[in-house]
């Protein structure tokens, strides 16, 4: 495969680093992430492995400016603050950090306490994302969460007092949730929020406890498609009225407070993924690769410590790169740049398909950007499938 003519296309999206901490206090029944419950964790061993991988990938990606770091999981707020500080110190010695680098940590309310948050802040973390998920205790128990609403609100106040930037997540379209219930809950959430909210519609994934219950007909009370759509539209209305722009299908922010790290994903930038099961996208020697680390924590840890590694590198074709840009970019309020799409995969999108979807009110064009409308976002998978080259 010849090198792409736009070998540095990733620069249009930027460069970020994802650190995966695979451990949780318990496994949520809806979660299909690579997370595990462990009674014993040697954080010194994990530190050695993370630092080794940072240095290895740094050698592959020299002279880059790092725009963002994201500690995800799992529950990375279970990491020792000293471990986080060591990781960030090594990162700073490996890449040139942007002047306004965003360093985010995911946290659960049950793992929050003020001293630990301050220690993360002192280590360099400047943004937290808190997994609240619901604002009533009954639904929190149904979702398998270990915290209460009281703890969630305390965590939000702690974050507000400690960090300039914070966000929290809620899940809607839950069992037996009415439209009125969700409107009231979201109104309460907006009143507590800072400048960013992540609002996800509950999806039932294969391989989860919820997936198994659903398959056996035991997950009752889920909303039908019409109610789910009404909840999504209500979400748009309430957030917009409060000054939160829907800059991505499930993410809302006041202007200038969008998640920079996630925007790298959605805008087809490069990102290094470190940790068990972590995914990445790296442009190396003119070719773009999808990377994936071994998902089993013990296998990943032992492999890295023994210098063997277990990361897969899959070369992405031009067509695969274009498809990823299409799939991720149409989730954003600014859509995709049609000229960039053509530069990536050297073929334009089908104009007749675009015209048909425009006539149906699913997409619109602005200054050579293709953007999904609110109606199109409700059926985004179908819109993307229709646009995909055959």
Protein backbone atom coordinates (compact mmCIF):
# COMPACT_ATOMS: atom_id res chain seq x y z
CA UNK A 1 0.00 0.00 0.00
CA UNK A 2 1.48 3.33 -1.03
CA UNK A 3 1.74 6.15 1.54
CA UNK A 4 -1.23 8.47 1.63
CA UNK A 5 -0.89 11.88 0.01
CA UNK A 6 -2.31 13.34 3.24
CA UNK A 7 0.00 11.46 5.61
CA UNK A 8 -0.37 14.09 8.32
CA UNK A 9 -4.17 14.30 8.15
CA UNK A 10 -4.33 13.43 11.86
CA UNK A 11 -3.10 16.94 12.63
CA UNK A 12 -6.56 18.25 11.71
CA UNK A 13 -7.83 16.37 14.77
CA UNK A 14 -4.86 16.67 17.11
CA UNK A 15 -2.96 14.23 19.33
CA UNK A 16 -4.10 12.81 22.67
CA UNK A 17 -3.25 10.10 25.19
CA UNK A 18 -5.69 7.66 26.77
CA UNK A 19 -4.70 5.80 29.96
CA UNK A 20 -6.93 2.85 30.86
CA UNK A 21 -7.26 1.78 34.51
CA UNK A 22 -9.16 -1.52 34.33
CA UNK A 23 -10.32 -1.89 37.93
CA UNK A 24 -13.66 -1.09 39.61
CA UNK A 25 -15.15 -1.70 43.02
CA UNK A 26 -18.03 -3.52 41.29
CA UNK A 27 -19.19 -4.28 37.75
CA UNK A 28 -22.26 -2.33 36.60
CA UNK A 29 -24.85 -4.50 34.81
CA UNK A 30 -25.07 -2.22 31.74
CA UNK A 31 -21.29 -1.82 31.30
CA UNK A 32 -19.47 -3.44 28.37
CA UNK A 33 -16.15 -1.67 29.02
CA UNK A 34 -13.02 -3.59 29.92
CA UNK A 35 -13.39 -3.33 33.70
CA UNK A 36 -12.63 -5.86 36.42
CA UNK A 37 -13.06 -6.25 40.18
CA UNK A 38 -9.86 -7.17 42.02
CA UNK A 39 -9.15 -7.46 45.73
CA UNK A 40 -5.41 -6.89 45.36
CA UNK A 41 -3.63 -4.42 43.06
CA UNK A 42 0.12 -3.79 43.12
CA UNK A 43 0.14 -0.18 42.00
CA UNK A 44 3.95 -0.08 41.87
CA UNK A 45 3.89 -2.78 39.18
CA UNK A 46 1.22 -0.89 37.27
CA UNK A 47 3.30 2.28 37.49
CA UNK A 48 6.30 0.52 35.98
CA UNK A 49 4.16 -0.81 33.14
CA UNK A 50 2.47 2.51 32.35
CA UNK A 51 5.75 4.41 32.35
CA UNK A 52 7.36 1.81 30.10
CA UNK A 53 4.54 2.06 27.57
CA UNK A 54 4.56 5.86 27.60
CA UNK A 55 8.26 5.85 26.76
CA UNK A 56 7.85 3.19 24.07
CA UNK A 57 5.07 5.03 22.27
CA UNK A 58 6.89 8.32 22.76
CA UNK A 59 9.78 6.94 20.73
CA UNK A 60 7.34 6.14 17.90
CA UNK A 61 5.73 9.59 17.98
CA UNK A 62 8.50 12.16 18.56
CA UNK A 63 8.12 15.91 18.17
CA UNK A 64 4.37 15.93 18.73
CA UNK A 65 2.38 18.39 20.80
CA UNK A 66 0.03 16.62 23.20
CA UNK A 67 -3.38 18.31 23.46
CA UNK A 68 -5.08 16.04 26.00
CA UNK A 69 -4.73 13.18 28.46
CA UNK A 70 -7.70 11.10 29.60
CA UNK A 71 -7.66 8.64 32.51
CA UNK A 72 -10.55 6.25 31.84
CA UNK A 73 -11.70 2.90 33.03
CA UNK A 74 -12.75 1.14 35.07
CA UNK A 75 -12.57 3.64 37.89
CA UNK A 76 -9.31 5.60 37.59
CA UNK A 77 -10.14 7.62 40.71
CA UNK A 78 -9.11 4.42 42.55
CA UNK A 79 -5.53 5.03 41.38
CA UNK A 80 -3.04 6.24 43.99
CA UNK A 81 -2.42 9.97 43.47
CA UNK A 82 1.32 9.26 43.47
CA UNK A 83 0.81 6.90 40.52
CA UNK A 84 -1.08 9.60 38.61
CA UNK A 85 1.66 12.12 39.41
CA UNK A 86 4.38 9.75 38.14
CA UNK A 87 2.46 9.12 34.90
CA UNK A 88 1.99 12.83 34.25
CA UNK A 89 5.62 13.63 35.04
CA UNK A 90 6.76 10.99 32.53
CA UNK A 91 4.29 12.23 29.92
CA UNK A 92 5.65 15.76 30.25
CA UNK A 93 9.15 14.43 29.65
CA UNK A 94 8.02 12.44 26.60
CA UNK A 95 5.88 14.89 24.60
CA UNK A 96 5.56 18.65 24.48
CA UNK A 97 2.29 19.45 26.27
CA UNK A 98 0.06 22.13 24.78
CA UNK A 99 -0.12 25.31 26.83
CA UNK A 100 -3.78 24.60 27.54
CA UNK A 101 -3.52 20.80 27.79
CA UNK A 102 -6.68 19.14 29.11
CA UNK A 103 -6.07 16.35 31.65
CA UNK A 104 -9.29 14.54 32.56
CA UNK A 105 -9.95 11.81 35.11
CA UNK A 106 -13.14 9.75 35.32
CA UNK A 107 -14.43 9.33 38.86
CA UNK A 108 -17.29 7.60 40.63
CA UNK A 109 -19.00 9.31 43.57
CA UNK A 110 -18.29 6.31 45.81
CA UNK A 111 -14.54 6.77 45.29
CA UNK A 112 -14.53 10.51 45.85
CA UNK A 113 -13.11 12.29 48.85
CA UNK A 114 -11.74 15.83 49.00
CA UNK A 115 -8.15 14.98 49.89
CA UNK A 116 -7.79 12.62 46.94
CA UNK A 117 -9.32 15.12 44.52
CA UNK A 118 -6.90 17.79 45.70
CA UNK A 119 -3.99 15.37 45.27
CA UNK A 120 -5.06 14.64 41.68
CA UNK A 121 -5.31 18.37 41.03
CA UNK A 122 -1.84 18.91 42.49
CA UNK A 123 -0.50 16.12 40.25
CA UNK A 124 -1.80 17.99 37.19
CA UNK A 125 -5.35 16.76 36.59
CA UNK A 126 -7.44 19.78 35.62
CA UNK A 127 -10.81 18.23 34.75
CA UNK A 128 -12.96 15.44 36.22
CA UNK A 129 -15.88 13.52 34.74
CA UNK A 130 -18.13 11.98 37.38
CA UNK A 131 -20.30 8.93 36.71
CA UNK A 132 -23.50 9.99 38.49
CA UNK A 133 -25.91 8.16 36.09
CA UNK A 134 -29.17 8.84 38.00
CA UNK A 135 -30.57 11.25 40.57
CA UNK A 136 -32.75 8.86 42.54
CA UNK A 137 -31.60 6.05 44.77
CA UNK A 138 -33.99 3.42 43.42
CA UNK A 139 -32.69 3.78 39.87
CA UNK A 140 -29.09 3.91 41.09
CA UNK A 141 -29.62 0.49 42.69
CA UNK A 142 -31.23 -0.81 39.49
CA UNK A 143 -28.17 0.38 37.56
CA UNK A 144 -25.89 -1.43 39.99
CA UNK A 145 -24.31 1.79 41.26
CA UNK A 146 -22.68 1.75 44.70
CA UNK A 147 -23.30 5.42 45.55
CA UNK A 148 -26.37 7.28 46.73
CA UNK A 149 -27.82 10.53 45.40
CA UNK A 150 -26.47 12.27 48.51
CA UNK A 151 -22.97 11.02 47.71
CA UNK A 152 -23.35 12.03 44.07
CA UNK A 153 -24.30 15.59 44.99
CA UNK A 154 -21.43 15.79 47.46
CA UNK A 155 -19.02 14.59 44.76
CA UNK A 156 -20.27 17.28 42.38
CA UNK A 157 -19.74 19.95 45.03
CA UNK A 158 -16.25 18.61 45.75
CA UNK A 159 -15.38 18.72 42.06
CA UNK A 160 -16.80 22.22 41.76
CA UNK A 161 -14.63 23.42 44.65
CA UNK A 162 -11.47 21.70 43.40
CA UNK A 163 -11.39 21.97 39.60
CA UNK A 164 -12.11 24.77 37.18
CA UNK A 165 -13.66 22.25 34.79
CA UNK A 166 -15.84 19.28 35.62
CA UNK A 167 -18.61 17.23 34.06
CA UNK A 168 -20.97 14.48 35.12
CA UNK A 169 -22.87 11.74 33.31
CA UNK A 170 -26.50 10.73 33.42
CA UNK A 171 -28.23 7.79 31.74
CA UNK A 172 -31.83 8.23 30.57
CA UNK A 173 -34.48 6.00 28.99
CA UNK A 174 -34.14 3.81 32.05
CA UNK A 175 -36.62 1.18 33.19
CA UNK A 176 -40.05 2.63 34.00
CA UNK A 177 -38.81 6.21 33.46
CA UNK A 178 -41.43 8.55 32.06
CA UNK A 179 -40.81 11.64 29.93
CA UNK A 180 -41.92 13.82 32.85
CA UNK A 181 -39.50 11.99 35.18
CA UNK A 182 -36.60 12.64 32.83
CA UNK A 183 -37.48 16.29 32.30
CA UNK A 184 -37.55 16.86 36.07
CA UNK A 185 -34.28 14.99 36.60
CA UNK A 186 -32.48 16.81 33.80
CA UNK A 187 -33.72 20.17 35.10
CA UNK A 188 -32.24 19.32 38.50
CA UNK A 189 -28.97 18.21 36.87
CA UNK A 190 -28.63 21.41 34.86
CA UNK A 191 -29.01 23.44 38.05
CA UNK A 192 -26.04 21.57 39.58
CA UNK A 193 -23.89 21.43 36.47
CA UNK A 194 -20.80 23.40 35.62
CA UNK A 195 -20.17 23.88 31.90
CA UNK A 196 -20.47 20.32 30.57
CA UNK A 197 -22.88 17.37 30.76
CA UNK A 198 -22.80 13.91 29.18
CA UNK A 199 -26.33 12.50 28.72
CA UNK A 200 -26.53 8.96 27.37
CA UNK A 201 -29.57 6.98 26.33
CA UNK A 202 -29.44 3.52 27.90
CA UNK A 203 -28.34 0.91 25.40
CA UNK A 204 -28.46 -2.82 26.03
CA UNK A 205 -25.15 -4.38 25.03
CA UNK A 206 -24.39 -8.03 24.40
CA UNK A 207 -22.12 -9.59 26.99
CA UNK A 208 -23.50 -7.54 29.89
CA UNK A 209 -25.80 -8.52 32.74
CA UNK A 210 -28.50 -6.29 31.26
CA UNK A 211 -27.96 -7.93 27.88
CA UNK A 212 -28.53 -11.36 29.40
CA UNK A 213 -31.63 -10.21 31.28
CA UNK A 214 -33.05 -8.58 28.16
CA UNK A 215 -32.50 -11.71 26.10
CA UNK A 216 -34.42 -13.73 28.72
CA UNK A 217 -37.26 -11.21 28.85
CA UNK A 218 -36.43 -10.10 32.38
CA UNK A 219 -35.49 -6.47 31.72
CA UNK A 220 -38.93 -4.93 31.80
CA UNK A 221 -40.12 -1.35 31.59
CA UNK A 222 -37.73 -0.09 28.92
CA UNK A 223 -39.15 2.76 26.81
CA UNK A 224 -40.33 2.09 23.28
CA UNK A 225 -38.69 3.88 20.34
CA UNK A 226 -41.19 6.75 20.36
CA UNK A 227 -40.67 7.50 24.05
CA UNK A 228 -36.91 7.24 23.62
CA UNK A 229 -37.09 9.77 20.77
CA UNK A 230 -39.25 12.10 22.88
CA UNK A 231 -36.70 11.93 25.69
CA UNK A 232 -33.88 12.77 23.27
CA UNK A 233 -35.80 15.77 21.90
CA UNK A 234 -36.60 16.96 25.43
CA UNK A 235 -32.89 16.70 26.23
CA UNK A 236 -32.07 18.97 23.30
CA UNK A 237 -34.70 21.52 24.32
CA UNK A 238 -33.78 21.73 27.99
CA UNK A 239 -30.02 21.87 27.47
CA UNK A 240 -30.30 24.46 24.71
CA UNK A 241 -32.54 26.65 26.84
CA UNK A 242 -29.90 26.51 29.60
CA UNK A 243 -27.07 27.52 27.25
CA UNK A 244 -25.57 24.07 26.69
CA UNK A 245 -24.84 23.39 23.02
CA UNK A 246 -25.34 19.84 21.73
CA UNK A 247 -21.85 19.63 20.27
CA UNK A 248 -22.04 15.83 19.97
CA UNK A 249 -24.94 13.37 20.07
CA UNK A 250 -24.59 12.69 23.81
CA UNK A 251 -22.49 15.65 24.99
CA UNK A 252 -23.51 19.18 25.88
CA UNK A 253 -21.37 22.17 26.80
CA UNK A 254 -21.32 25.90 27.11
CA UNK A 255 -19.24 27.47 24.35
CA UNK A 256 -15.53 26.83 24.86
CA UNK A 257 -16.00 24.02 27.40
CA UNK A 258 -16.30 21.04 25.04
CA UNK A 259 -14.24 17.94 25.87
CA UNK A 260 -11.02 18.41 23.92
CA UNK A 261 -10.00 14.80 24.31
CA UNK A 262 -13.19 13.30 22.94
CA UNK A 263 -13.15 15.83 20.13
CA UNK A 264 -9.84 14.31 19.00
CA UNK A 265 -11.66 10.98 18.57
CA UNK A 266 -14.61 12.51 16.75
CA UNK A 267 -12.36 14.58 14.49
CA UNK A 268 -10.12 11.66 13.43
CA UNK A 269 -7.03 12.80 15.28
CA UNK A 270 -4.27 10.51 16.55
CA UNK A 271 -4.34 9.12 20.07
CA UNK A 272 -2.18 6.64 21.91
CA UNK A 273 -4.03 4.08 24.03
CA UNK A 274 -2.18 2.63 27.03
CA UNK A 275 -3.51 -0.02 29.40
CA UNK A 276 -5.44 -3.30 29.13
CA UNK A 277 -7.81 -3.27 26.17
CA UNK A 278 -6.94 0.32 25.26
CA UNK A 279 -7.50 1.31 21.63
CA UNK A 280 -5.52 3.89 19.70
CA UNK A 281 -5.08 5.48 16.29
CA UNK A 282 -1.52 6.32 15.30
CA UNK A 283 -0.05 7.63 12.07
CA UNK A 284 3.46 6.16 11.77
CA UNK A 285 5.78 6.57 8.76
CA UNK A 286 2.93 7.78 6.58
CA UNK A 287 0.47 5.01 7.45
CA UNK A 288 -2.43 5.07 9.91
CA UNK A 289 -2.87 2.16 12.29
CA UNK A 290 -5.57 0.99 14.65
CA UNK A 291 -3.91 -0.26 17.84
CA UNK A 292 -5.40 -2.49 20.51
CA UNK A 293 -3.76 -3.77 23.68
CA UNK A 294 -4.44 -7.15 25.27
CA UNK A 295 -7.64 -6.86 27.30
CA UNK A 296 -6.76 -9.21 30.16
CA UNK A 297 -5.13 -7.07 32.90
CA UNK A 298 -2.69 -9.75 34.07
CA UNK A 299 -1.70 -10.64 30.51
CA UNK A 300 -1.14 -6.98 29.62
CA UNK A 301 0.80 -6.23 32.79
CA UNK A 302 3.08 -9.27 32.55
CA UNK A 303 3.69 -8.74 28.85
CA UNK A 304 4.74 -5.13 29.31
CA UNK A 305 6.92 -5.84 32.35
CA UNK A 306 8.67 -8.66 30.47
CA UNK A 307 9.26 -6.44 27.47
CA UNK A 308 7.18 -8.61 25.18
CA UNK A 309 4.14 -6.40 24.61
CA UNK A 310 0.85 -7.58 23.25
CA UNK A 311 -0.41 -4.64 21.21
CA UNK A 312 -1.95 -5.29 17.81
CA UNK A 313 -1.34 -2.89 14.92
CA UNK A 314 -3.83 -3.08 12.07
CA UNK A 315 -3.09 -1.00 8.99
CA UNK A 316 -6.14 1.06 8.03
CA UNK A 317 -6.95 1.42 4.36
CA UNK A 318 -7.94 4.78 2.93
CA UNK A 319 -11.54 3.59 2.73
CA UNK A 320 -11.51 2.48 6.39
CA UNK A 321 -10.12 5.85 7.44
CA UNK A 322 -12.80 7.67 5.49
CA UNK A 323 -15.52 5.50 7.04
CA UNK A 324 -14.24 6.21 10.56
CA UNK A 325 -14.22 9.94 9.86
CA UNK A 326 -17.78 9.69 8.51
CA UNK A 327 -19.06 7.64 11.45
CA UNK A 328 -17.44 9.75 14.15
CA UNK A 329 -17.70 13.16 12.51
CA UNK A 330 -21.44 13.02 11.85
CA UNK A 331 -21.96 12.72 15.61
CA UNK A 332 -20.71 16.31 15.96
CA UNK A 333 -22.65 19.52 15.53
CA UNK A 334 -20.14 20.70 12.90
CA UNK A 335 -20.36 17.44 10.94
CA UNK A 336 -17.68 16.36 8.48
CA UNK A 337 -15.64 18.38 6.02
CA UNK A 338 -16.49 16.93 2.60
CA UNK A 339 -13.16 18.05 1.14
CA UNK A 340 -11.24 16.41 3.97
CA UNK A 341 -13.22 13.22 3.52
CA UNK A 342 -12.22 13.13 -0.14
CA UNK A 343 -8.56 13.83 0.72
CA UNK A 344 -8.55 10.92 3.15
CA UNK A 345 -10.03 8.24 0.89
CA UNK A 346 -9.69 9.84 -2.56
CA UNK A 347 -13.35 9.36 -3.48
CA UNK A 348 -16.22 11.76 -2.78
CA UNK A 349 -19.45 10.83 -1.10
CA UNK A 350 -22.31 10.06 -3.49
CA UNK A 351 -24.06 13.35 -4.33
CA UNK A 352 -27.35 11.61 -5.11
CA UNK A 353 -27.40 10.00 -1.66
CA UNK A 354 -26.64 13.36 -0.07
CA UNK A 355 -29.46 15.02 -2.00
CA UNK A 356 -31.92 12.30 -1.01
CA UNK A 357 -31.04 12.60 2.68
CA UNK A 358 -31.28 16.39 2.44
CA UNK A 359 -34.74 16.11 0.92
CA UNK A 360 -35.74 13.85 3.82
CA UNK A 361 -34.49 16.46 6.30
CA UNK A 362 -31.81 14.13 7.71
CA UNK A 363 -28.73 16.18 6.80
CA UNK A 364 -27.79 19.65 5.69
CA UNK A 365 -24.74 21.28 4.09
CA UNK A 366 -22.99 24.39 5.38
CA UNK A 367 -19.78 25.62 3.78
CA UNK A 368 -18.86 22.16 2.47
CA UNK A 369 -19.62 20.56 5.83
CA UNK A 370 -22.18 17.76 5.99
CA UNK A 371 -24.18 17.96 9.22
CA UNK A 372 -26.83 15.65 10.67
CA UNK A 373 -30.02 17.47 11.63
CA UNK A 374 -31.87 16.77 14.86
CA UNK A 375 -34.11 14.42 12.87
CA UNK A 376 -31.04 12.78 11.36
CA UNK A 377 -29.40 12.29 14.75
CA UNK A 378 -32.42 10.26 15.86
CA UNK A 379 -31.66 7.83 13.01
CA UNK A 380 -27.93 8.43 12.76
CA UNK A 381 -26.88 4.82 12.21
CA UNK A 382 -29.25 4.56 9.26
CA UNK A 383 -28.00 7.88 7.83
CA UNK A 384 -24.38 6.75 8.06
CA UNK A 385 -25.19 3.37 6.53
CA UNK A 386 -26.93 5.07 3.62
CA UNK A 387 -23.95 7.36 2.98
CA UNK A 388 -21.34 4.62 3.19
CA UNK A 389 -19.72 3.78 -0.17
CA UNK A 390 -20.86 0.39 -1.44
